[in-house]
């Protein structure tokens, strides 16, 4: 079986003049090497395709693959993560991970929370700021938390993201609106423990690969899993496999959310506890990082005895099960 691999290579974007933060979600060469080498170990033939523009050219040139392993994040628009699967749908080529609807929905953090809130999944109350004047309409009680509506990898999150008064809220929202050119999600700040939950499979076949607690040390920006804390995680963050009742509670929130949102094949769900210790949905990553050592999904799965090759096999098995060749 021939597997194409679509990806955004970080070095290519840096050469085009984008900053480290702008290219933060994109992959390094060693991640693509690991994915390709592991797919080959699993018995697949592979071909590197590249980003959405390179995919489009290949499709027009008549190239085809039995299935495409897609980790493209895209650069522009709320549908940036959905561009590759939408193209592949147009050419009737199966792919790994979620479909365009899921990837567009879950990139929009507020819409995702609305869907899950309707299904009674616990998630902090929130408000979307489209203009700094919207801050005057917010009735949520402080402390609050502000972040870009449609970013990942902690982009736009730092120590100032925890908001304690209206003046700070206006300042932070204004800065985020200008810098990221998109709305700002303002939600009630949750003071409890933070976890990320690995998931593989689709629908009723979805299963948890592990629950990992994120513990910030004395060198970290306090109380936020920020862009800098993620980037410098070796010095700032400790990770440990959660177990017991808290792990079960996080797993339930994650799996319920995964199934309601109809995510596919593999990814992560981020969870944080409120003042009463109840796990709340924060966000979902249906295109999780796949570096075998540094990315959260392989890391937490490894803590739970699922090595990188086994994780990749579970993801591929799920993707192939969805389609009829």
C-alpha atoms as a PDB file:
ATOM      1  CA  UNK A   1       0.000   0.000   0.000  1.00  0.00           C
ATOM      2  CA  UNK A   2       1.365   3.404  -1.015  1.00  0.00           C
ATOM      3  CA  UNK A   3       1.105   6.134   1.641  1.00  0.00           C
ATOM      4  CA  UNK A   4       1.632   9.769   0.729  1.00  0.00           C
ATOM      5  CA  UNK A   5       2.777  12.119   3.510  1.00  0.00           C
ATOM      6  CA  UNK A   6       1.593  15.736   3.649  1.00  0.00           C
ATOM      7  CA  UNK A   7       3.265  18.170   6.033  1.00  0.00           C
ATOM      8  CA  UNK A   8       4.374  21.747   6.566  1.00  0.00           C
ATOM      9  CA  UNK A   9       8.152  21.832   6.928  1.00  0.00           C
ATOM     10  CA  UNK A  10       9.208  24.478   9.433  1.00  0.00           C
ATOM     11  CA  UNK A  11      12.519  25.243   7.723  1.00  0.00           C
ATOM     12  CA  UNK A  12      10.731  26.122   4.468  1.00  0.00           C
ATOM     13  CA  UNK A  13       8.599  28.754   6.199  1.00  0.00           C
ATOM     14  CA  UNK A  14      11.570  30.205   8.074  1.00  0.00           C
ATOM     15  CA  UNK A  15      13.380  30.596   4.739  1.00  0.00           C
ATOM     16  CA  UNK A  16      10.350  32.504   3.424  1.00  0.00           C
ATOM     17  CA  UNK A  17      10.760  35.014   6.264  1.00  0.00           C
ATOM     18  CA  UNK A  18       8.200  33.798   8.785  1.00  0.00           C
ATOM     19  CA  UNK A  19       9.175  34.053  12.463  1.00  0.00           C
ATOM     20  CA  UNK A  20       9.777  31.137  14.838  1.00  0.00           C
ATOM     21  CA  UNK A  21       6.420  31.793  16.490  1.00  0.00           C
ATOM     22  CA  UNK A  22       4.555  32.028  13.176  1.00  0.00           C
ATOM     23  CA  UNK A  23       6.058  28.665  12.171  1.00  0.00           C
ATOM     24  CA  UNK A  24       5.700  27.107  15.621  1.00  0.00           C
ATOM     25  CA  UNK A  25       3.073  24.533  14.599  1.00  0.00           C
ATOM     26  CA  UNK A  26       5.066  23.240  11.644  1.00  0.00           C
ATOM     27  CA  UNK A  27       7.290  20.159  11.667  1.00  0.00           C
ATOM     28  CA  UNK A  28      11.023  19.675  11.585  1.00  0.00           C
ATOM     29  CA  UNK A  29      12.723  17.234   9.239  1.00  0.00           C
ATOM     30  CA  UNK A  30      13.317  14.642  11.957  1.00  0.00           C
ATOM     31  CA  UNK A  31       9.573  14.379  12.602  1.00  0.00           C
ATOM     32  CA  UNK A  32       8.924  13.586   8.943  1.00  0.00           C
ATOM     33  CA  UNK A  33      11.831  11.120   8.985  1.00  0.00           C
ATOM     34  CA  UNK A  34      10.327   9.343  11.998  1.00  0.00           C
ATOM     35  CA  UNK A  35       6.867   9.121  10.446  1.00  0.00           C
ATOM     36  CA  UNK A  36       8.186   7.841   7.122  1.00  0.00           C
ATOM     37  CA  UNK A  37      10.620   5.337   8.656  1.00  0.00           C
ATOM     38  CA  UNK A  38       7.939   3.951  10.947  1.00  0.00           C
ATOM     39  CA  UNK A  39       5.407   3.603   8.147  1.00  0.00           C
ATOM     40  CA  UNK A  40       8.006   1.664   6.184  1.00  0.00           C
ATOM     41  CA  UNK A  41       8.665  -0.589   9.190  1.00  0.00           C
ATOM     42  CA  UNK A  42       4.927  -1.262   9.279  1.00  0.00           C
ATOM     43  CA  UNK A  43       5.117  -2.470   5.682  1.00  0.00           C
ATOM     44  CA  UNK A  44       3.904   0.579   3.758  1.00  0.00           C
ATOM     45  CA  UNK A  45       5.486   2.187   0.731  1.00  0.00           C
ATOM     46  CA  UNK A  46       5.848   5.932   1.258  1.00  0.00           C
ATOM     47  CA  UNK A  47       6.134   9.122  -0.769  1.00  0.00           C
ATOM     48  CA  UNK A  48       6.698  12.598   0.653  1.00  0.00           C
ATOM     49  CA  UNK A  49       4.244  15.093  -0.842  1.00  0.00           C
ATOM     50  CA  UNK A  50       4.771  18.265   1.207  1.00  0.00           C
ATOM     51  CA  UNK A  51       2.378  21.125   1.927  1.00  0.00           C
ATOM     52  CA  UNK A  52      -1.031  21.956   0.470  1.00  0.00           C
ATOM     53  CA  UNK A  53       0.377  23.769  -2.583  1.00  0.00           C
ATOM     54  CA  UNK A  54       2.732  20.888  -3.332  1.00  0.00           C
ATOM     55  CA  UNK A  55      -0.190  18.487  -2.915  1.00  0.00           C
ATOM     56  CA  UNK A  56      -2.317  20.532  -5.328  1.00  0.00           C
ATOM     57  CA  UNK A  57       0.406  20.415  -7.971  1.00  0.00           C
ATOM     58  CA  UNK A  58       0.848  16.666  -7.513  1.00  0.00           C
ATOM     59  CA  UNK A  59      -2.893  16.058  -7.860  1.00  0.00           C
ATOM     60  CA  UNK A  60      -3.090  18.162 -11.025  1.00  0.00           C
ATOM     61  CA  UNK A  61      -0.104  16.224 -12.377  1.00  0.00           C
ATOM     62  CA  UNK A  62      -2.107  13.016 -11.907  1.00  0.00           C
ATOM     63  CA  UNK A  63      -0.365  11.497  -8.893  1.00  0.00           C
ATOM     64  CA  UNK A  64      -2.336   9.187  -6.601  1.00  0.00           C
ATOM     65  CA  UNK A  65      -1.782   7.312  -3.362  1.00  0.00           C
ATOM     66  CA  UNK A  66      -3.750   4.590  -1.623  1.00  0.00           C
ATOM     67  CA  UNK A  67      -3.983   6.777   1.479  1.00  0.00           C
ATOM     68  CA  UNK A  68      -2.367  10.011   2.692  1.00  0.00           C
ATOM     69  CA  UNK A  69      -0.885  10.523   6.160  1.00  0.00           C
ATOM     70  CA  UNK A  70      -1.797  14.175   6.704  1.00  0.00           C
ATOM     71  CA  UNK A  71      -0.242  16.443   9.330  1.00  0.00           C
ATOM     72  CA  UNK A  72      -0.546  19.762   7.437  1.00  0.00           C
ATOM     73  CA  UNK A  73      -1.487  22.671   9.717  1.00  0.00           C
ATOM     74  CA  UNK A  74      -1.824  25.270   6.961  1.00  0.00           C
ATOM     75  CA  UNK A  75      -1.087  28.977   7.238  1.00  0.00           C
ATOM     76  CA  UNK A  76      -4.177  31.064   6.451  1.00  0.00           C
ATOM     77  CA  UNK A  77      -7.847  31.095   7.446  1.00  0.00           C
ATOM     78  CA  UNK A  78     -10.070  29.263   9.902  1.00  0.00           C
ATOM     79  CA  UNK A  79     -10.073  26.313   7.486  1.00  0.00           C
ATOM     80  CA  UNK A  80      -6.289  26.105   7.218  1.00  0.00           C
ATOM     81  CA  UNK A  81      -6.116  22.626   8.753  1.00  0.00           C
ATOM     82  CA  UNK A  82      -8.986  21.442   6.547  1.00  0.00           C
ATOM     83  CA  UNK A  83      -7.417  22.387   3.210  1.00  0.00           C
ATOM     84  CA  UNK A  84      -5.519  19.139   2.609  1.00  0.00           C
ATOM     85  CA  UNK A  85      -8.374  16.734   3.450  1.00  0.00           C
ATOM     86  CA  UNK A  86     -10.769  18.880   1.387  1.00  0.00           C
ATOM     87  CA  UNK A  87      -8.489  18.532  -1.644  1.00  0.00           C
ATOM     88  CA  UNK A  88      -8.116  14.813  -1.056  1.00  0.00           C
ATOM     89  CA  UNK A  89     -11.901  14.447  -0.793  1.00  0.00           C
ATOM     90  CA  UNK A  90     -12.218  16.162  -4.182  1.00  0.00           C
ATOM     91  CA  UNK A  91      -9.892  13.548  -5.692  1.00  0.00           C
ATOM     92  CA  UNK A  92     -11.515  10.701  -3.687  1.00  0.00           C
ATOM     93  CA  UNK A  93      -8.251   9.799  -1.950  1.00  0.00           C
ATOM     94  CA  UNK A  94      -8.501   8.482   1.638  1.00  0.00           C
ATOM     95  CA  UNK A  95      -6.441  10.092   4.393  1.00  0.00           C
ATOM     96  CA  UNK A  96      -5.353   9.640   7.985  1.00  0.00           C
ATOM     97  CA  UNK A  97      -6.885  11.837  10.716  1.00  0.00           C
ATOM     98  CA  UNK A  98     -10.005  13.969  10.691  1.00  0.00           C
ATOM     99  CA  UNK A  99     -12.154  15.357   7.891  1.00  0.00           C
ATOM    100  CA  UNK A 100     -12.544  19.023   6.822  1.00  0.00           C
ATOM    101  CA  UNK A 101     -15.609  19.672   9.000  1.00  0.00           C
ATOM    102  CA  UNK A 102     -13.879  18.435  12.148  1.00  0.00           C
ATOM    103  CA  UNK A 103     -10.642  20.287  11.442  1.00  0.00           C
ATOM    104  CA  UNK A 104     -12.436  23.578  10.754  1.00  0.00           C
ATOM    105  CA  UNK A 105     -14.701  23.240  13.778  1.00  0.00           C
ATOM    106  CA  UNK A 106     -11.999  22.309  16.261  1.00  0.00           C
ATOM    107  CA  UNK A 107      -9.652  25.090  15.135  1.00  0.00           C
ATOM    108  CA  UNK A 108     -12.406  27.538  16.144  1.00  0.00           C
ATOM    109  CA  UNK A 109     -12.157  27.096  19.902  1.00  0.00           C
ATOM    110  CA  UNK A 110     -15.412  28.878  20.730  1.00  0.00           C
ATOM    111  CA  UNK A 111     -17.525  26.915  18.236  1.00  0.00           C
ATOM    112  CA  UNK A 112     -16.021  23.717  19.608  1.00  0.00           C
ATOM    113  CA  UNK A 113     -16.964  24.722  23.140  1.00  0.00           C
ATOM    114  CA  UNK A 114     -20.502  25.574  22.032  1.00  0.00           C
ATOM    115  CA  UNK A 115     -20.971  22.106  20.569  1.00  0.00           C
ATOM    116  CA  UNK A 116     -19.606  20.415  23.670  1.00  0.00           C
ATOM    117  CA  UNK A 117     -21.519  22.666  26.066  1.00  0.00           C
ATOM    118  CA  UNK A 118     -24.720  21.649  24.282  1.00  0.00           C
ATOM    119  CA  UNK A 119     -23.750  18.030  24.984  1.00  0.00           C
ATOM    120  CA  UNK A 120     -23.187  18.868  28.678  1.00  0.00           C
ATOM    121  CA  UNK A 121     -19.422  18.400  28.597  1.00  0.00           C
ATOM    122  CA  UNK A 122     -17.901  20.626  31.323  1.00  0.00           C
ATOM    123  CA  UNK A 123     -15.995  23.568  29.820  1.00  0.00           C
ATOM    124  CA  UNK A 124     -15.362  27.020  31.296  1.00  0.00           C
ATOM    125  CA  UNK A 125     -17.787  29.840  30.466  1.00  0.00           C
ATOM    126  CA  UNK A 126     -16.461  32.069  27.701  1.00  0.00           C
ATOM    127  CA  UNK A 127     -16.887  35.112  25.495  1.00  0.00           C
ATOM    128  CA  UNK A 128     -15.519  35.905  22.026  1.00  0.00           C
ATOM    129  CA  UNK A 129     -13.940  39.333  21.551  1.00  0.00           C
ATOM    130  CA  UNK A 130     -14.025  40.486  17.914  1.00  0.00           C
ATOM    131  CA  UNK A 131     -13.198  44.107  18.719  1.00  0.00           C
ATOM    132  CA  UNK A 132     -11.724  45.661  21.851  1.00  0.00           C
ATOM    133  CA  UNK A 133     -15.066  47.400  22.448  1.00  0.00           C
ATOM    134  CA  UNK A 134     -16.583  43.945  23.062  1.00  0.00           C
ATOM    135  CA  UNK A 135     -14.727  43.779  26.381  1.00  0.00           C
ATOM    136  CA  UNK A 136     -17.397  46.063  27.897  1.00  0.00           C
ATOM    137  CA  UNK A 137     -19.996  43.360  27.179  1.00  0.00           C
ATOM    138  CA  UNK A 138     -18.210  40.659  29.202  1.00  0.00           C
ATOM    139  CA  UNK A 139     -19.997  39.695  32.428  1.00  0.00           C
ATOM    140  CA  UNK A 140     -17.752  36.780  33.405  1.00  0.00           C
ATOM    141  CA  UNK A 141     -16.174  36.997  36.847  1.00  0.00           C
ATOM    142  CA  UNK A 142     -12.414  37.456  37.215  1.00  0.00           C
ATOM    143  CA  UNK A 143      -9.909  35.859  37.003  1.00  0.00           C
ATOM    144  CA  UNK A 144     -10.240  35.240  33.272  1.00  0.00           C
ATOM    145  CA  UNK A 145      -7.994  33.729  30.612  1.00  0.00           C
ATOM    146  CA  UNK A 146      -7.450  35.168  27.124  1.00  0.00           C
ATOM    147  CA  UNK A 147      -5.939  33.520  24.041  1.00  0.00           C
ATOM    148  CA  UNK A 148      -6.228  33.667  20.242  1.00  0.00           C
ATOM    149  CA  UNK A 149      -9.346  31.942  18.936  1.00  0.00           C
ATOM    150  CA  UNK A 150      -7.630  29.692  16.383  1.00  0.00           C
ATOM    151  CA  UNK A 151      -3.997  29.022  17.259  1.00  0.00           C
ATOM    152  CA  UNK A 152      -2.061  26.108  18.721  1.00  0.00           C
ATOM    153  CA  UNK A 153       1.292  25.314  20.361  1.00  0.00           C
ATOM    154  CA  UNK A 154       0.610  27.919  23.047  1.00  0.00           C
ATOM    155  CA  UNK A 155       0.848  30.817  20.548  1.00  0.00           C
ATOM    156  CA  UNK A 156      -0.351  34.051  22.136  1.00  0.00           C
ATOM    157  CA  UNK A 157      -0.313  32.575  25.635  1.00  0.00           C
ATOM    158  CA  UNK A 158       1.989  33.934  28.341  1.00  0.00           C
ATOM    159  CA  UNK A 159       1.922  35.080  31.968  1.00  0.00           C
ATOM    160  CA  UNK A 160      -0.345  38.022  30.999  1.00  0.00           C
ATOM    161  CA  UNK A 161      -2.997  35.611  29.722  1.00  0.00           C
ATOM    162  CA  UNK A 162      -4.408  35.335  33.241  1.00  0.00           C
ATOM    163  CA  UNK A 163      -6.584  38.431  33.589  1.00  0.00           C
ATOM    164  CA  UNK A 164      -7.482  40.036  36.934  1.00  0.00           C
ATOM    165  CA  UNK A 165      -9.209  43.311  35.974  1.00  0.00           C
ATOM    166  CA  UNK A 166     -10.932  45.123  33.112  1.00  0.00           C
ATOM    167  CA  UNK A 167      -8.002  47.355  32.200  1.00  0.00           C
ATOM    168  CA  UNK A 168      -5.703  44.356  31.793  1.00  0.00           C
ATOM    169  CA  UNK A 169      -8.395  42.545  29.803  1.00  0.00           C
ATOM    170  CA  UNK A 170      -8.673  45.421  27.342  1.00  0.00           C
ATOM    171  CA  UNK A 171      -4.915  45.678  26.974  1.00  0.00           C
ATOM    172  CA  UNK A 172      -4.364  41.959  26.421  1.00  0.00           C
ATOM    173  CA  UNK A 173      -7.287  41.611  23.998  1.00  0.00           C
ATOM    174  CA  UNK A 174      -6.123  44.632  22.024  1.00  0.00           C
ATOM    175  CA  UNK A 175      -2.596  43.211  21.753  1.00  0.00           C
ATOM    176  CA  UNK A 176      -3.867  39.790  20.635  1.00  0.00           C
ATOM    177  CA  UNK A 177      -6.289  41.280  18.091  1.00  0.00           C
ATOM    178  CA  UNK A 178      -3.491  43.289  16.523  1.00  0.00           C
ATOM    179  CA  UNK A 179      -0.845  40.565  16.579  1.00  0.00           C
ATOM    180  CA  UNK A 180      -2.875  37.562  15.445  1.00  0.00           C
ATOM    181  CA  UNK A 181      -5.566  39.328  13.368  1.00  0.00           C
ATOM    182  CA  UNK A 182      -8.299  37.077  14.684  1.00  0.00           C
ATOM    183  CA  UNK A 183     -10.840  37.107  17.541  1.00  0.00           C
ATOM    184  CA  UNK A 184      -9.824  36.460  21.138  1.00  0.00           C
ATOM    185  CA  UNK A 185     -11.354  33.737  23.297  1.00  0.00           C
ATOM    186  CA  UNK A 186     -11.891  34.935  26.864  1.00  0.00           C
ATOM    187  CA  UNK A 187     -12.891  32.241  29.323  1.00  0.00           C
ATOM    188  CA  UNK A 188     -13.089  31.721  33.050  1.00  0.00           C
ATOM    189  CA  UNK A 189      -9.647  30.835  34.417  1.00  0.00           C
ATOM    190  CA  UNK A 190      -9.437  27.359  35.917  1.00  0.00           C
ATOM    191  CA  UNK A 191      -7.046  27.146  38.864  1.00  0.00           C
ATOM    192  CA  UNK A 192      -6.675  23.354  39.053  1.00  0.00           C
ATOM    193  CA  UNK A 193      -4.355  20.686  37.668  1.00  0.00           C
ATOM    194  CA  UNK A 194      -3.756  20.397  33.924  1.00  0.00           C
ATOM    195  CA  UNK A 195      -3.719  17.211  31.852  1.00  0.00           C
ATOM    196  CA  UNK A 196      -3.542  16.119  28.245  1.00  0.00           C
ATOM    197  CA  UNK A 197      -5.209  12.903  27.101  1.00  0.00           C
ATOM    198  CA  UNK A 198      -4.139  10.782  24.140  1.00  0.00           C
ATOM    199  CA  UNK A 199      -6.818   9.216  21.950  1.00  0.00           C
ATOM    200  CA  UNK A 200      -6.638   6.772  19.040  1.00  0.00           C
ATOM    201  CA  UNK A 201      -9.499   5.421  16.968  1.00  0.00           C
ATOM    202  CA  UNK A 202     -12.774   6.725  15.598  1.00  0.00           C
ATOM    203  CA  UNK A 203     -16.293   6.672  17.039  1.00  0.00           C
ATOM    204  CA  UNK A 204     -17.035   3.729  19.294  1.00  0.00           C
ATOM    205  CA  UNK A 205     -13.561   2.336  18.552  1.00  0.00           C
ATOM    206  CA  UNK A 206     -11.854   5.351  20.158  1.00  0.00           C
ATOM    207  CA  UNK A 207      -9.641   4.535  23.127  1.00  0.00           C
ATOM    208  CA  UNK A 208      -7.379   6.407  25.501  1.00  0.00           C
ATOM    209  CA  UNK A 209      -3.616   5.915  25.132  1.00  0.00           C
ATOM    210  CA  UNK A 210      -2.795   7.633  28.409  1.00  0.00           C
ATOM    211  CA  UNK A 211      -3.431  10.655  30.619  1.00  0.00           C
ATOM    212  CA  UNK A 212      -0.433  12.900  31.284  1.00  0.00           C
ATOM    213  CA  UNK A 213      -0.264  15.635  33.908  1.00  0.00           C
ATOM    214  CA  UNK A 214       1.552  18.845  33.018  1.00  0.00           C
ATOM    215  CA  UNK A 215       3.473  20.239  35.986  1.00  0.00           C
ATOM    216  CA  UNK A 216       5.119  23.663  35.735  1.00  0.00           C
ATOM    217  CA  UNK A 217       8.281  24.107  37.785  1.00  0.00           C
ATOM    218  CA  UNK A 218       9.789  27.208  39.387  1.00  0.00           C
ATOM    219  CA  UNK A 219      11.421  28.353  36.101  1.00  0.00           C
ATOM    220  CA  UNK A 220       8.129  28.319  34.183  1.00  0.00           C
ATOM    221  CA  UNK A 221       5.702  31.157  33.528  1.00  0.00           C
ATOM    222  CA  UNK A 222       3.272  30.638  36.398  1.00  0.00           C
ATOM    223  CA  UNK A 223      -0.060  28.837  35.908  1.00  0.00           C
ATOM    224  CA  UNK A 224      -0.014  28.811  32.083  1.00  0.00           C
ATOM    225  CA  UNK A 225       1.149  26.154  29.621  1.00  0.00           C
ATOM    226  CA  UNK A 226       2.445  28.999  27.460  1.00  0.00           C
ATOM    227  CA  UNK A 227       4.302  29.190  24.169  1.00  0.00           C
ATOM    228  CA  UNK A 228       7.601  29.750  26.011  1.00  0.00           C
ATOM    229  CA  UNK A 229       6.949  26.979  28.553  1.00  0.00           C
ATOM    230  CA  UNK A 230       6.197  24.548  25.720  1.00  0.00           C
ATOM    231  CA  UNK A 231       9.205  25.659  23.703  1.00  0.00           C
ATOM    232  CA  UNK A 232      11.553  25.333  26.691  1.00  0.00           C
ATOM    233  CA  UNK A 233       9.789  22.386  28.304  1.00  0.00           C
ATOM    234  CA  UNK A 234      13.012  20.571  29.301  1.00  0.00           C
ATOM    235  CA  UNK A 235      13.866  23.346  31.777  1.00  0.00           C
ATOM    236  CA  UNK A 236      10.355  24.492  32.680  1.00  0.00           C
ATOM    237  CA  UNK A 237       7.949  21.535  32.661  1.00  0.00           C
ATOM    238  CA  UNK A 238       7.651  18.068  34.157  1.00  0.00           C
ATOM    239  CA  UNK A 239       5.342  15.396  32.758  1.00  0.00           C
ATOM    240  CA  UNK A 240       3.972  12.425  34.628  1.00  0.00           C
ATOM    241  CA  UNK A 241       1.476   9.674  33.843  1.00  0.00           C
ATOM    242  CA  UNK A 242      -1.737  10.223  35.797  1.00  0.00           C
ATOM    243  CA  UNK A 243      -3.628   7.348  37.344  1.00  0.00           C
ATOM    244  CA  UNK A 244      -6.505   6.657  39.707  1.00  0.00           C
ATOM    245  CA  UNK A 245      -9.799   8.523  39.796  1.00  0.00           C
ATOM    246  CA  UNK A 246      -8.489  11.758  38.302  1.00  0.00           C
ATOM    247  CA  UNK A 247      -7.153   9.877  35.277  1.00  0.00           C
ATOM    248  CA  UNK A 248     -10.512   8.145  34.802  1.00  0.00           C
ATOM    249  CA  UNK A 249     -12.351  11.464  35.029  1.00  0.00           C
ATOM    250  CA  UNK A 250     -10.022  13.103  32.478  1.00  0.00           C
ATOM    251  CA  UNK A 251     -10.329  10.099  30.165  1.00  0.00           C
ATOM    252  CA  UNK A 252     -14.127  10.324  30.249  1.00  0.00           C
ATOM    253  CA  UNK A 253     -14.138  14.034  29.354  1.00  0.00           C
ATOM    254  CA  UNK A 254     -11.645  13.388  26.558  1.00  0.00           C
ATOM    255  CA  UNK A 255     -13.375  10.377  25.013  1.00  0.00           C
ATOM    256  CA  UNK A 256     -16.837  11.929  25.290  1.00  0.00           C
ATOM    257  CA  UNK A 257     -15.548  15.087  23.596  1.00  0.00           C
ATOM    258  CA  UNK A 258     -13.699  13.114  20.901  1.00  0.00           C
ATOM    259  CA  UNK A 259     -16.807  11.147  19.985  1.00  0.00           C
ATOM    260  CA  UNK A 260     -19.187  14.124  20.054  1.00  0.00           C
ATOM    261  CA  UNK A 261     -16.882  16.140  17.785  1.00  0.00           C
ATOM    262  CA  UNK A 262     -16.443  13.042  15.550  1.00  0.00           C
ATOM    263  CA  UNK A 263     -12.658  13.258  15.546  1.00  0.00           C
ATOM    264  CA  UNK A 264     -10.844  10.467  13.742  1.00  0.00           C
ATOM    265  CA  UNK A 265      -7.842   8.139  14.106  1.00  0.00           C
ATOM    266  CA  UNK A 266      -5.726   9.935  16.707  1.00  0.00           C
ATOM    267  CA  UNK A 267      -5.047  13.133  18.613  1.00  0.00           C
ATOM    268  CA  UNK A 268      -5.127  14.792  22.003  1.00  0.00           C
ATOM    269  CA  UNK A 269      -7.658  16.440  24.295  1.00  0.00           C
ATOM    270  CA  UNK A 270      -6.471  19.045  26.813  1.00  0.00           C
ATOM    271  CA  UNK A 271      -8.214  19.102  30.178  1.00  0.00           C
ATOM    272  CA  UNK A 272      -7.896  21.372  33.209  1.00  0.00           C
ATOM    273  CA  UNK A 273      -9.576  21.093  36.600  1.00  0.00           C
ATOM    274  CA  UNK A 274     -11.729  23.832  38.086  1.00  0.00           C
ATOM    275  CA  UNK A 275     -11.617  25.094  41.672  1.00  0.00           C
ATOM    276  CA  UNK A 276     -13.520  21.971  42.787  1.00  0.00           C
ATOM    277  CA  UNK A 277     -11.158  19.542  41.052  1.00  0.00           C
ATOM    278  CA  UNK A 278     -13.613  18.707  38.245  1.00  0.00           C
ATOM    279  CA  UNK A 279     -11.901  18.167  34.843  1.00  0.00           C
ATOM    280  CA  UNK A 280     -13.080  20.578  32.138  1.00  0.00           C
ATOM    281  CA  UNK A 281     -12.549  20.420  28.394  1.00  0.00           C
ATOM    282  CA  UNK A 282     -10.082  23.088  27.250  1.00  0.00           C
ATOM    283  CA  UNK A 283      -9.397  22.190  23.624  1.00  0.00           C
ATOM    284  CA  UNK A 284      -8.799  19.297  21.253  1.00  0.00           C
ATOM    285  CA  UNK A 285      -5.897  18.734  18.878  1.00  0.00           C
ATOM    286  CA  UNK A 286      -7.008  16.403  16.057  1.00  0.00           C
ATOM    287  CA  UNK A 287      -3.650  16.954  14.278  1.00  0.00           C
ATOM    288  CA  UNK A 288      -1.362  16.299  17.213  1.00  0.00           C
ATOM    289  CA  UNK A 289       2.423  16.557  16.992  1.00  0.00           C
ATOM    290  CA  UNK A 290       4.049  13.275  15.982  1.00  0.00           C
ATOM    291  CA  UNK A 291       7.710  13.688  16.965  1.00  0.00           C
ATOM    292  CA  UNK A 292       8.570  10.406  18.731  1.00  0.00           C
ATOM    293  CA  UNK A 293      10.306  12.083  21.684  1.00  0.00           C
ATOM    294  CA  UNK A 294       9.181  15.697  22.028  1.00  0.00           C
ATOM    295  CA  UNK A 295       5.472  15.600  21.065  1.00  0.00           C
ATOM    296  CA  UNK A 296       2.862  15.097  23.773  1.00  0.00           C
ATOM    297  CA  UNK A 297       0.863  12.283  22.121  1.00  0.00           C
ATOM    298  CA  UNK A 298       3.831   9.924  21.568  1.00  0.00           C
ATOM    299  CA  UNK A 299       5.280  10.976  24.924  1.00  0.00           C
ATOM    300  CA  UNK A 300       2.202  10.213  27.024  1.00  0.00           C
ATOM    301  CA  UNK A 301       1.504   7.027  25.067  1.00  0.00           C
ATOM    302  CA  UNK A 302       5.063   5.898  25.730  1.00  0.00           C
ATOM    303  CA  UNK A 303       4.610   6.545  29.455  1.00  0.00           C
ATOM    304  CA  UNK A 304       1.670   4.152  29.236  1.00  0.00           C
ATOM    305  CA  UNK A 305       3.616   1.389  27.462  1.00  0.00           C
ATOM    306  CA  UNK A 306       2.588   2.233  23.886  1.00  0.00           C
ATOM    307  CA  UNK A 307       5.770   2.826  21.905  1.00  0.00           C
ATOM    308  CA  UNK A 308       5.936   5.008  18.792  1.00  0.00           C
ATOM    309  CA  UNK A 309       5.646   2.154  16.287  1.00  0.00           C
ATOM    310  CA  UNK A 310       2.628   0.712  18.101  1.00  0.00           C
ATOM    311  CA  UNK A 311       1.017   4.161  18.262  1.00  0.00           C
ATOM    312  CA  UNK A 312       1.502   4.629  14.532  1.00  0.00           C
ATOM    313  CA  UNK A 313       0.042   1.190  13.888  1.00  0.00           C
ATOM    314  CA  UNK A 314      -3.061   2.016  15.944  1.00  0.00           C
ATOM    315  CA  UNK A 315      -3.523   5.254  13.996  1.00  0.00           C
ATOM    316  CA  UNK A 316      -3.054   3.572  10.599  1.00  0.00           C
ATOM    317  CA  UNK A 317      -5.333   0.668  11.516  1.00  0.00           C
ATOM    318  CA  UNK A 318      -8.053   3.149  12.432  1.00  0.00           C
ATOM    319  CA  UNK A 319      -7.617   5.119   9.189  1.00  0.00           C
ATOM    320  CA  UNK A 320      -7.695   2.037   6.979  1.00  0.00           C
ATOM    321  CA  UNK A 321     -10.740   0.681   8.783  1.00  0.00           C
ATOM    322  CA  UNK A 322     -12.709   3.801   7.779  1.00  0.00           C
ATOM    323  CA  UNK A 323     -12.312   3.308   4.040  1.00  0.00           C
ATOM    324  CA  UNK A 324     -13.042   0.658   1.454  1.00  0.00           C
ATOM    325  CA  UNK A 325     -10.349   0.206  -1.165  1.00  0.00           C
END
